């Protein structure tokens, strides 16, 4: 029984440190929040969107090093994560100059 508790404690301890947590705000060049922008961990299907105020929080049991932020009309950005827990990120999206072709 004691061996089971030691193994369980070790696995629980290990799993806590293999998580990635990211939170912050997405704004445009003028500082206005970007509502409903997409945020995903690079090379995964785990993601979220920003709320009405441009704020987001994303958590995963796996370890990731980069998030990808995208929204229609803005350039897609890849943001490297300096550590496993990153709160209060402020990400500025630049508008794209692309237009639709004439029909």
PDB file of N, CA and C in Angstrom:
ATOM      1  N   UNK A   1       0.827  -1.194   0.000  1.00  0.00           N
ATOM      2  CA  UNK A   1       0.000   0.000   0.000  1.00  0.00           C
ATOM      3  C   UNK A   1       0.866   1.251   0.000  1.00  0.00           C
ATOM      4  N   UNK A   2       1.951   1.192   0.740  1.00  0.00           N
ATOM      5  CA  UNK A   2       2.832   2.345   0.812  1.00  0.00           C
ATOM      6  C   UNK A   2       3.463   2.626  -0.556  1.00  0.00           C
ATOM      7  N   UNK A   3       3.825   1.560  -1.272  1.00  0.00           N
ATOM      8  CA  UNK A   3       4.423   1.715  -2.592  1.00  0.00           C
ATOM      9  C   UNK A   3       3.416   2.377  -3.540  1.00  0.00           C
ATOM     10  N   UNK A   4       2.153   1.970  -3.450  1.00  0.00           N
ATOM     11  CA  UNK A   4       1.101   2.563  -4.279  1.00  0.00           C
ATOM     12  C   UNK A   4       0.998   4.061  -4.029  1.00  0.00           C
ATOM     13  N   UNK A   5       1.024   4.475  -2.785  1.00  0.00           N
ATOM     14  CA  UNK A   5       0.927   5.900  -2.457  1.00  0.00           C
ATOM     15  C   UNK A   5       2.124   6.681  -2.983  1.00  0.00           C
ATOM     16  N   UNK A   6       3.295   6.104  -2.919  1.00  0.00           N
ATOM     17  CA  UNK A   6       4.490   6.774  -3.427  1.00  0.00           C
ATOM     18  C   UNK A   6       4.385   6.948  -4.941  1.00  0.00           C
ATOM     19  N   UNK A   7       3.992   5.912  -5.652  1.00  0.00           N
ATOM     20  CA  UNK A   7       3.841   5.991  -7.107  1.00  0.00           C
ATOM     21  C   UNK A   7       2.740   6.980  -7.479  1.00  0.00           C
ATOM     22  N   UNK A   8       1.624   6.920  -6.803  1.00  0.00           N
ATOM     23  CA  UNK A   8       0.523   7.845  -7.075  1.00  0.00           C
ATOM     24  C   UNK A   8       0.950   9.288  -6.825  1.00  0.00           C
ATOM     25  N   UNK A   9       1.650   9.535  -5.741  1.00  0.00           N
ATOM     26  CA  UNK A   9       2.134  10.889  -5.431  1.00  0.00           C
ATOM     27  C   UNK A   9       3.088  11.387  -6.500  1.00  0.00           C
ATOM     28  N   UNK A  10       3.976  10.507  -6.952  1.00  0.00           N
ATOM     29  CA  UNK A  10       4.927  10.884  -7.987  1.00  0.00           C
ATOM     30  C   UNK A  10       4.211  11.244  -9.284  1.00  0.00           C
ATOM     31  N   UNK A  11       3.258  10.431  -9.688  1.00  0.00           N
ATOM     32  CA  UNK A  11       2.521  10.695 -10.923  1.00  0.00           C
ATOM     33  C   UNK A  11       1.694  11.968 -10.815  1.00  0.00           C
ATOM     34  N   UNK A  12       1.092  12.204  -9.683  1.00  0.00           N
ATOM     35  CA  UNK A  12       0.321  13.431  -9.479  1.00  0.00           C
ATOM     36  C   UNK A  12       1.226  14.645  -9.541  1.00  0.00           C
ATOM     37  N   UNK A  13       2.378  14.552  -8.919  1.00  0.00           N
ATOM     38  CA  UNK A  13       3.347  15.644  -8.919  1.00  0.00           C
ATOM     39  C   UNK A  13       3.829  15.912 -10.335  1.00  0.00           C
ATOM     40  N   UNK A  14       4.123  14.851 -11.086  1.00  0.00           N
ATOM     41  CA  UNK A  14       4.611  14.986 -12.454  1.00  0.00           C
ATOM     42  C   UNK A  14       3.556  15.603 -13.358  1.00  0.00           C
ATOM     43  N   UNK A  15       2.301  15.211 -13.213  1.00  0.00           N
ATOM     44  CA  UNK A  15       1.250  15.715 -14.097  1.00  0.00           C
ATOM     45  C   UNK A  15       0.969  17.191 -13.875  1.00  0.00           C
ATOM     46  N   UNK A  16       1.160  17.688 -12.674  1.00  0.00           N
ATOM     47  CA  UNK A  16       0.952  19.108 -12.407  1.00  0.00           C
ATOM     48  C   UNK A  16       1.972  19.943 -13.163  1.00  0.00           C
ATOM     49  N   UNK A  17       3.180  19.447 -13.286  1.00  0.00           N
ATOM     50  CA  UNK A  17       4.224  20.216 -13.934  1.00  0.00           C
ATOM     51  C   UNK A  17       4.256  20.042 -15.440  1.00  0.00           C
ATOM     52  N   UNK A  18       3.411  19.225 -16.005  1.00  0.00           N
ATOM     53  CA  UNK A  18       3.384  19.075 -17.445  1.00  0.00           C
ATOM     54  C   UNK A  18       2.216  19.845 -18.063  1.00  0.00           C
ATOM     55  N   UNK A  19       1.641  20.749 -17.330  1.00  0.00           N
ATOM     56  CA  UNK A  19       0.535  21.542 -17.837  1.00  0.00           C
ATOM     57  C   UNK A  19       1.034  22.846 -18.445  1.00  0.00           C
ATOM     58  N   UNK A  20       0.260  23.366 -19.391  1.00  0.00           N
ATOM     59  CA  UNK A  20       0.523  24.685 -19.964  1.00  0.00           C
ATOM     60  C   UNK A  20      -0.703  25.540 -19.714  1.00  0.00           C
ATOM     61  N   UNK A  21      -0.479  26.726 -19.156  1.00  0.00           N
ATOM     62  CA  UNK A  21      -1.572  27.659 -18.870  1.00  0.00           C
ATOM     63  C   UNK A  21      -1.227  29.016 -19.474  1.00  0.00           C
ATOM     64  N   UNK A  22      -2.203  29.584 -20.198  1.00  0.00           N
ATOM     65  CA  UNK A  22      -1.989  30.860 -20.878  1.00  0.00           C
ATOM     66  C   UNK A  22      -3.230  31.722 -20.689  1.00  0.00           C
ATOM     67  N   UNK A  23      -3.020  32.986 -20.406  1.00  0.00           N
ATOM     68  CA  UNK A  23      -4.137  33.920 -20.281  1.00  0.00           C
ATOM     69  C   UNK A  23      -3.688  35.312 -20.661  1.00  0.00           C
ATOM     70  N   UNK A  24      -4.637  36.153 -21.044  1.00  0.00           N
ATOM     71  CA  UNK A  24      -4.279  37.521 -21.394  1.00  0.00           C
ATOM     72  C   UNK A  24      -5.367  38.211 -22.163  1.00  0.00           C
ATOM     73  N   UNK A  25      -4.959  39.176 -22.975  1.00  0.00           N
ATOM     74  CA  UNK A  25      -5.886  39.979 -23.763  1.00  0.00           C
ATOM     75  C   UNK A  25      -5.335  40.143 -25.170  1.00  0.00           C
ATOM     76  N   UNK A  26      -6.253  40.165 -26.143  1.00  0.00           N
ATOM     77  CA  UNK A  26      -5.905  40.409 -27.541  1.00  0.00           C
ATOM     78  C   UNK A  26      -6.455  41.780 -27.902  1.00  0.00           C
ATOM     79  N   UNK A  27      -5.585  42.647 -28.424  1.00  0.00           N
ATOM     80  CA  UNK A  27      -6.000  43.994 -28.823  1.00  0.00           C
ATOM     81  C   UNK A  27      -5.534  44.262 -30.242  1.00  0.00           C
ATOM     82  N   UNK A  28      -6.145  45.286 -30.877  1.00  0.00           N
ATOM     83  CA  UNK A  28      -5.687  45.698 -32.198  1.00  0.00           C
ATOM     84  C   UNK A  28      -4.638  46.795 -32.047  1.00  0.00           C
ATOM     85  N   UNK A  29      -4.204  47.358 -33.170  1.00  0.00           N
ATOM     86  CA  UNK A  29      -3.143  48.366 -33.145  1.00  0.00           C
ATOM     87  C   UNK A  29      -3.521  49.620 -32.362  1.00  0.00           C
ATOM     88  N   UNK A  30      -4.805  49.918 -32.287  1.00  0.00           N
ATOM     89  CA  UNK A  30      -5.250  51.104 -31.558  1.00  0.00           C
ATOM     90  C   UNK A  30      -5.537  50.820 -30.087  1.00  0.00           C
ATOM     91  N   UNK A  31      -5.322  49.575 -29.656  1.00  0.00           N
ATOM     92  CA  UNK A  31      -5.532  49.232 -28.246  1.00  0.00           C
ATOM     93  C   UNK A  31      -6.929  48.752 -27.915  1.00  0.00           C
ATOM     94  N   UNK A  32      -7.785  48.623 -28.928  1.00  0.00           N
ATOM     95  CA  UNK A  32      -9.150  48.144 -28.718  1.00  0.00           C
ATOM     96  C   UNK A  32      -9.155  46.621 -28.637  1.00  0.00           C
ATOM     97  N   UNK A  33      -9.914  46.047 -27.702  1.00  0.00           N
ATOM     98  CA  UNK A  33      -9.961  44.586 -27.593  1.00  0.00           C
ATOM     99  C   UNK A  33     -10.574  43.937 -28.832  1.00  0.00           C
ATOM    100  N   UNK A  34     -10.048  42.768 -29.184  1.00  0.00           N
ATOM    101  CA  UNK A  34     -10.557  42.005 -30.322  1.00  0.00           C
ATOM    102  C   UNK A  34     -11.411  40.873 -29.766  1.00  0.00           C
ATOM    103  N   UNK A  35     -12.717  41.001 -29.918  1.00  0.00           N
ATOM    104  CA  UNK A  35     -13.644  39.993 -29.406  1.00  0.00           C
ATOM    105  C   UNK A  35     -13.704  38.800 -30.349  1.00  0.00           C
ATOM    106  N   UNK A  36     -13.766  37.610 -29.785  1.00  0.00           N
ATOM    107  CA  UNK A  36     -13.958  36.355 -30.505  1.00  0.00           C
ATOM    108  C   UNK A  36     -12.791  35.968 -31.420  1.00  0.00           C
ATOM    109  N   UNK A  37     -11.571  36.393 -31.070  1.00  0.00           N
ATOM    110  CA  UNK A  37     -10.372  35.953 -31.783  1.00  0.00           C
ATOM    111  C   UNK A  37     -10.069  34.507 -31.383  1.00  0.00           C
ATOM    112  N   UNK A  38      -9.442  33.757 -32.258  1.00  0.00           N
ATOM    113  CA  UNK A  38      -9.121  32.348 -32.012  1.00  0.00           C
ATOM    114  C   UNK A  38      -7.721  32.216 -31.428  1.00  0.00           C
ATOM    115  N   UNK A  39      -7.576  31.397 -30.404  1.00  0.00           N
ATOM    116  CA  UNK A  39      -6.287  31.087 -29.794  1.00  0.00           C
ATOM    117  C   UNK A  39      -6.183  29.574 -29.687  1.00  0.00           C
ATOM    118  N   UNK A  40      -5.132  28.989 -30.274  1.00  0.00           N
ATOM    119  CA  UNK A  40      -4.912  27.545 -30.155  1.00  0.00           C
ATOM    120  C   UNK A  40      -3.450  27.292 -29.819  1.00  0.00           C
ATOM    121  N   UNK A  41      -3.187  26.136 -29.215  1.00  0.00           N
ATOM    122  CA  UNK A  41      -1.816  25.696 -29.049  1.00  0.00           C
ATOM    123  C   UNK A  41      -1.350  25.189 -30.404  1.00  0.00           C
ATOM    124  N   UNK A  42      -0.156  25.597 -30.821  1.00  0.00           N
ATOM    125  CA  UNK A  42       0.371  25.213 -32.129  1.00  0.00           C
ATOM    126  C   UNK A  42       0.455  23.691 -32.244  1.00  0.00           C
ATOM    127  N   UNK A  43       0.061  23.173 -33.405  1.00  0.00           N
ATOM    128  CA  UNK A  43       0.076  21.747 -33.721  1.00  0.00           C
ATOM    129  C   UNK A  43      -0.840  20.935 -32.811  1.00  0.00           C
ATOM    130  N   UNK A  44      -1.970  21.529 -32.416  1.00  0.00           N
ATOM    131  CA  UNK A  44      -2.945  20.808 -31.601  1.00  0.00           C
ATOM    132  C   UNK A  44      -4.351  21.243 -32.019  1.00  0.00           C
ATOM    133  N   UNK A  45      -5.333  20.610 -31.400  1.00  0.00           N
ATOM    134  CA  UNK A  45      -6.727  20.984 -31.611  1.00  0.00           C
ATOM    135  C   UNK A  45      -7.298  21.669 -30.384  1.00  0.00           C
ATOM    136  N   UNK A  46      -6.466  21.965 -29.403  1.00  0.00           N
ATOM    137  CA  UNK A  46      -6.918  22.599 -28.172  1.00  0.00           C
ATOM    138  C   UNK A  46      -6.874  24.111 -28.345  1.00  0.00           C
ATOM    139  N   UNK A  47      -8.000  24.746 -28.094  1.00  0.00           N
ATOM    140  CA  UNK A  47      -8.044  26.180 -28.267  1.00  0.00           C
ATOM    141  C   UNK A  47      -9.241  26.809 -27.587  1.00  0.00           C
ATOM    142  N   UNK A  48      -9.354  28.113 -27.746  1.00  0.00           N
ATOM    143  CA  UNK A  48     -10.452  28.877 -27.174  1.00  0.00           C
ATOM    144  C   UNK A  48     -10.632  30.144 -28.008  1.00  0.00           C
ATOM    145  N   UNK A  49     -11.601  30.967 -27.625  1.00  0.00           N
ATOM    146  CA  UNK A  49     -11.792  32.272 -28.250  1.00  0.00           C
ATOM    147  C   UNK A  49     -11.799  33.326 -27.162  1.00  0.00           C
ATOM    148  N   UNK A  50     -11.564  34.567 -27.561  1.00  0.00           N
ATOM    149  CA  UNK A  50     -11.612  35.668 -26.599  1.00  0.00           C
ATOM    150  C   UNK A  50     -13.060  36.024 -26.302  1.00  0.00           C
ATOM    151  N   UNK A  51     -13.284  36.617 -25.143  1.00  0.00           N
ATOM    152  CA  UNK A  51     -14.633  37.058 -24.789  1.00  0.00           C
ATOM    153  C   UNK A  51     -14.910  38.437 -25.382  1.00  0.00           C
ATOM    154  N   UNK A  52     -15.987  39.076 -24.983  1.00  0.00           N
ATOM    155  CA  UNK A  52     -16.359  40.395 -25.502  1.00  0.00           C
ATOM    156  C   UNK A  52     -15.299  41.451 -25.232  1.00  0.00           C
ATOM    157  N   UNK A  53     -14.521  41.258 -24.173  1.00  0.00           N
ATOM    158  CA  UNK A  53     -13.495  42.234 -23.778  1.00  0.00           C
ATOM    159  C   UNK A  53     -12.105  41.856 -24.291  1.00  0.00           C
ATOM    160  N   UNK A  54     -12.018  40.864 -25.157  1.00  0.00           N
ATOM    161  CA  UNK A  54     -10.741  40.461 -25.727  1.00  0.00           C
ATOM    162  C   UNK A  54      -9.898  39.579 -24.820  1.00  0.00           C
ATOM    163  N   UNK A  55     -10.447  39.150 -23.686  1.00  0.00           N
ATOM    164  CA  UNK A  55      -9.690  38.334 -22.725  1.00  0.00           C
ATOM    165  C   UNK A  55      -9.874  36.850 -23.017  1.00  0.00           C
ATOM    166  N   UNK A  56      -8.832  36.061 -22.669  1.00  0.00           N
ATOM    167  CA  UNK A  56      -8.886  34.625 -22.876  1.00  0.00           C
ATOM    168  C   UNK A  56      -8.099  33.906 -21.796  1.00  0.00           C
ATOM    169  N   UNK A  57      -8.407  32.622 -21.652  1.00  0.00           N
ATOM    170  CA  UNK A  57      -7.646  31.715 -20.785  1.00  0.00           C
ATOM    171  C   UNK A  57      -7.665  30.345 -21.443  1.00  0.00           C
ATOM    172  N   UNK A  58      -6.505  29.724 -21.510  1.00  0.00           N
ATOM    173  CA  UNK A  58      -6.369  28.432 -22.164  1.00  0.00           C
ATOM    174  C   UNK A  58      -5.447  27.566 -21.326  1.00  0.00           C
ATOM    175  N   UNK A  59      -5.871  26.330 -21.091  1.00  0.00           N
ATOM    176  CA  UNK A  59      -5.105  25.413 -20.251  1.00  0.00           C
ATOM    177  C   UNK A  59      -5.085  24.040 -20.901  1.00  0.00           C
ATOM    178  N   UNK A  60      -3.959  23.352 -20.779  1.00  0.00           N
ATOM    179  CA  UNK A  60      -3.826  22.005 -21.323  1.00  0.00           C
ATOM    180  C   UNK A  60      -3.021  21.140 -20.375  1.00  0.00           C
ATOM    181  N   UNK A  61      -3.312  19.846 -20.381  1.00  0.00           N
ATOM    182  CA  UNK A  61      -2.529  18.904 -19.590  1.00  0.00           C
ATOM    183  C   UNK A  61      -1.182  18.615 -20.243  1.00  0.00           C
ATOM    184  N   UNK A  62      -1.050  18.953 -21.525  1.00  0.00           N
ATOM    185  CA  UNK A  62       0.208  18.748 -22.244  1.00  0.00           C
ATOM    186  C   UNK A  62       1.056  20.014 -22.186  1.00  0.00           C
ATOM    187  N   UNK A  63       2.321  19.877 -22.576  1.00  0.00           N
ATOM    188  CA  UNK A  63       3.223  21.018 -22.602  1.00  0.00           C
ATOM    189  C   UNK A  63       3.342  21.545 -24.027  1.00  0.00           C
ATOM    190  N   UNK A  64       3.119  22.841 -24.200  1.00  0.00           N
ATOM    191  CA  UNK A  64       3.232  23.495 -25.499  1.00  0.00           C
ATOM    192  C   UNK A  64       4.158  24.690 -25.364  1.00  0.00           C
ATOM    193  N   UNK A  65       4.803  25.055 -26.476  1.00  0.00           N
ATOM    194  CA  UNK A  65       5.761  26.152 -26.468  1.00  0.00           C
ATOM    195  C   UNK A  65       5.277  27.372 -27.249  1.00  0.00           C
ATOM    196  N   UNK A  66       4.166  27.216 -28.000  1.00  0.00           N
ATOM    197  CA  UNK A  66       3.694  28.298 -28.865  1.00  0.00           C
ATOM    198  C   UNK A  66       2.176  28.302 -28.933  1.00  0.00           C
ATOM    199  N   UNK A  67       1.592  29.517 -28.990  1.00  0.00           N
ATOM    200  CA  UNK A  67       0.166  29.647 -29.296  1.00  0.00           C
ATOM    201  C   UNK A  67       0.040  30.364 -30.642  1.00  0.00           C
ATOM    202  N   UNK A  68      -1.083  30.110 -31.306  1.00  0.00           N
ATOM    203  CA  UNK A  68      -1.373  30.762 -32.580  1.00  0.00           C
ATOM    204  C   UNK A  68      -2.649  31.573 -32.390  1.00  0.00           C
ATOM    205  N   UNK A  69      -2.578  32.863 -32.738  1.00  0.00           N
ATOM    206  CA  UNK A  69      -3.711  33.774 -32.579  1.00  0.00           C
ATOM    207  C   UNK A  69      -4.153  34.226 -33.966  1.00  0.00           C
ATOM    208  N   UNK A  70      -5.458  34.107 -34.246  1.00  0.00           N
ATOM    209  CA  UNK A  70      -5.956  34.510 -35.564  1.00  0.00           C
ATOM    210  C   UNK A  70      -7.352  35.112 -35.440  1.00  0.00           C
ATOM    211  N   UNK A  71      -7.663  35.959 -36.414  1.00  0.00           N
ATOM    212  CA  UNK A  71      -8.993  36.550 -36.524  1.00  0.00           C
ATOM    213  C   UNK A  71      -9.126  37.107 -37.932  1.00  0.00           C
ATOM    214  N   UNK A  72     -10.314  37.056 -38.485  1.00  0.00           N
ATOM    215  CA  UNK A  72     -10.556  37.539 -39.843  1.00  0.00           C
ATOM    216  C   UNK A  72     -10.233  39.033 -39.919  1.00  0.00           C
ATOM    217  N   UNK A  73      -9.451  39.408 -40.920  1.00  0.00           N
ATOM    218  CA  UNK A  73      -9.076  40.807 -41.109  1.00  0.00           C
ATOM    219  C   UNK A  73      -7.781  41.179 -40.411  1.00  0.00           C
ATOM    220  N   UNK A  74      -7.176  40.225 -39.682  1.00  0.00           N
ATOM    221  CA  UNK A  74      -5.925  40.472 -38.970  1.00  0.00           C
ATOM    222  C   UNK A  74      -4.903  39.404 -39.346  1.00  0.00           C
ATOM    223  N   UNK A  75      -3.632  39.767 -39.245  1.00  0.00           N
ATOM    224  CA  UNK A  75      -2.567  38.809 -39.507  1.00  0.00           C
ATOM    225  C   UNK A  75      -2.525  37.753 -38.409  1.00  0.00           C
ATOM    226  N   UNK A  76      -2.295  36.513 -38.795  1.00  0.00           N
ATOM    227  CA  UNK A  76      -2.144  35.430 -37.824  1.00  0.00           C
ATOM    228  C   UNK A  76      -0.776  35.552 -37.171  1.00  0.00           C
ATOM    229  N   UNK A  77      -0.741  35.402 -35.842  1.00  0.00           N
ATOM    230  CA  UNK A  77       0.513  35.524 -35.105  1.00  0.00           C
ATOM    231  C   UNK A  77       0.809  34.245 -34.349  1.00  0.00           C
ATOM    232  N   UNK A  78       2.070  33.859 -34.334  1.00  0.00           N
ATOM    233  CA  UNK A  78       2.546  32.771 -33.488  1.00  0.00           C
ATOM    234  C   UNK A  78       3.320  33.401 -32.340  1.00  0.00           C
ATOM    235  N   UNK A  79       2.900  33.093 -31.125  1.00  0.00           N
ATOM    236  CA  UNK A  79       3.500  33.681 -29.932  1.00  0.00           C
ATOM    237  C   UNK A  79       4.235  32.590 -29.157  1.00  0.00           C
ATOM    238  N   UNK A  80       5.564  32.701 -29.026  1.00  0.00           N
ATOM    239  CA  UNK A  80       6.287  31.711 -28.214  1.00  0.00           C
ATOM    240  C   UNK A  80       5.986  31.918 -26.733  1.00  0.00           C
ATOM    241  N   UNK A  81       5.871  30.821 -26.012  1.00  0.00           N
ATOM    242  CA  UNK A  81       5.598  30.877 -24.578  1.00  0.00           C
ATOM    243  C   UNK A  81       6.905  30.685 -23.817  1.00  0.00           C
ATOM    244  N   UNK A  82       7.351  31.698 -23.062  1.00  0.00           N
ATOM    245  CA  UNK A  82       8.627  31.596 -22.361  1.00  0.00           C
ATOM    246  C   UNK A  82       8.624  30.597 -21.198  1.00  0.00           C
ATOM    247  N   UNK A  83       7.453  30.295 -20.670  1.00  0.00           N
ATOM    248  CA  UNK A  83       7.356  29.349 -19.554  1.00  0.00           C
ATOM    249  C   UNK A  83       6.039  28.593 -19.648  1.00  0.00           C
ATOM    250  N   UNK A  84       5.830  27.645 -18.752  1.00  0.00           N
ATOM    251  CA  UNK A  84       4.623  26.808 -18.806  1.00  0.00           C
ATOM    252  C   UNK A  84       3.374  27.561 -18.360  1.00  0.00           C
ATOM    253  N   UNK A  85       3.539  28.533 -17.484  1.00  0.00           N
ATOM    254  CA  UNK A  85       2.410  29.342 -17.009  1.00  0.00           C
ATOM    255  C   UNK A  85       2.657  30.786 -17.418  1.00  0.00           C
ATOM    256  N   UNK A  86       1.774  31.320 -18.257  1.00  0.00           N
ATOM    257  CA  UNK A  86       1.903  32.683 -18.778  1.00  0.00           C
ATOM    258  C   UNK A  86       0.568  33.395 -18.622  1.00  0.00           C
ATOM    259  N   UNK A  87       0.487  34.294 -17.676  1.00  0.00           N
ATOM    260  CA  UNK A  87      -0.719  35.089 -17.464  1.00  0.00           C
ATOM    261  C   UNK A  87      -0.437  36.531 -17.868  1.00  0.00           C
ATOM    262  N   UNK A  88      -1.494  37.279 -18.074  1.00  0.00           N
ATOM    263  CA  UNK A  88      -1.413  38.709 -18.386  1.00  0.00           C
ATOM    264  C   UNK A  88      -0.635  39.013 -19.662  1.00  0.00           C
ATOM    265  N   UNK A  89      -0.741  38.133 -20.665  1.00  0.00           N
ATOM    266  CA  UNK A  89      -0.146  38.429 -21.961  1.00  0.00           C
ATOM    267  C   UNK A  89      -0.984  39.500 -22.655  1.00  0.00           C
ATOM    268  N   UNK A  90      -0.337  40.411 -23.343  1.00  0.00           N
ATOM    269  CA  UNK A  90      -1.039  41.374 -24.188  1.00  0.00           C
ATOM    270  C   UNK A  90      -0.522  41.177 -25.603  1.00  0.00           C
ATOM    271  N   UNK A  91      -1.405  40.728 -26.467  1.00  0.00           N
ATOM    272  CA  UNK A  91      -1.025  40.403 -27.842  1.00  0.00           C
ATOM    273  C   UNK A  91      -1.704  41.402 -28.771  1.00  0.00           C
ATOM    274  N   UNK A  92      -0.894  42.063 -29.597  1.00  0.00           N
ATOM    275  CA  UNK A  92      -1.400  43.065 -30.533  1.00  0.00           C
ATOM    276  C   UNK A  92      -1.481  42.440 -31.917  1.00  0.00           C
ATOM    277  N   UNK A  93      -2.684  42.457 -32.500  1.00  0.00           N
ATOM    278  CA  UNK A  93      -2.887  41.957 -33.857  1.00  0.00           C
ATOM    279  C   UNK A  93      -2.855  43.127 -34.838  1.00  0.00           C
ATOM    280  N   UNK A  94      -2.167  42.925 -35.968  1.00  0.00           N
ATOM    281  CA  UNK A  94      -2.093  43.939 -37.018  1.00  0.00           C
ATOM    282  C   UNK A  94      -3.118  43.632 -38.087  1.00  0.00           C
ATOM    283  N   UNK A  95      -3.773  44.686 -38.589  1.00  0.00           N
ATOM    284  CA  UNK A  95      -4.764  44.495 -39.646  1.00  0.00           C
ATOM    285  C   UNK A  95      -4.072  44.096 -40.940  1.00  0.00           C
ATOM    286  N   UNK A  96      -4.764  43.268 -41.736  1.00  0.00           N
ATOM    287  CA  UNK A  96      -4.224  42.895 -43.043  1.00  0.00           C
ATOM    288  C   UNK A  96      -4.728  43.874 -44.083  1.00  0.00           C
ATOM    289  N   UNK A  97      -3.933  44.044 -45.121  1.00  0.00           N
ATOM    290  CA  UNK A  97      -4.305  44.958 -46.194  1.00  0.00           C
ATOM    291  C   UNK A  97      -4.895  44.218 -47.375  1.00  0.00           C
ATOM    292  N   UNK A  98      -5.162  42.938 -47.228  1.00  0.00           N
ATOM    293  CA  UNK A  98      -5.704  42.144 -48.330  1.00  0.00           C
ATOM    294  C   UNK A  98      -7.160  42.502 -48.583  1.00  0.00           C
ATOM    295  N   UNK A  99      -7.508  42.485 -49.853  1.00  0.00           N
ATOM    296  CA  UNK A  99      -8.887  42.729 -50.240  1.00  0.00           C
ATOM    297  C   UNK A  99      -9.335  41.606 -51.148  1.00  0.00           C
ATOM    298  N   UNK A 100     -10.633  41.441 -51.254  1.00  0.00           N
ATOM    299  CA  UNK A 100     -11.173  40.444 -52.156  1.00  0.00           C
ATOM    300  C   UNK A 100     -11.005  40.891 -53.595  1.00  0.00           C
ATOM    301  N   UNK A 101     -10.806  39.940 -54.492  1.00  0.00           N
ATOM    302  CA  UNK A 101     -10.670  40.245 -55.917  1.00  0.00           C
ATOM    303  C   UNK A 101     -12.046  40.576 -56.508  1.00  0.00           C
ATOM    304  N   UNK A 102     -12.016  41.353 -57.588  1.00  0.00           N
ATOM    305  CA  UNK A 102     -13.265  41.692 -58.264  1.00  0.00           C
ATOM    306  C   UNK A 102     -13.859  40.470 -58.921  1.00  0.00           C
ATOM    307  N   UNK A 103     -15.172  40.442 -58.972  1.00  0.00           N
ATOM    308  CA  UNK A 103     -15.850  39.323 -59.615  1.00  0.00           C
ATOM    309  C   UNK A 103     -16.311  39.756 -60.989  1.00  0.00           C
TER     310      UNK A 103
END
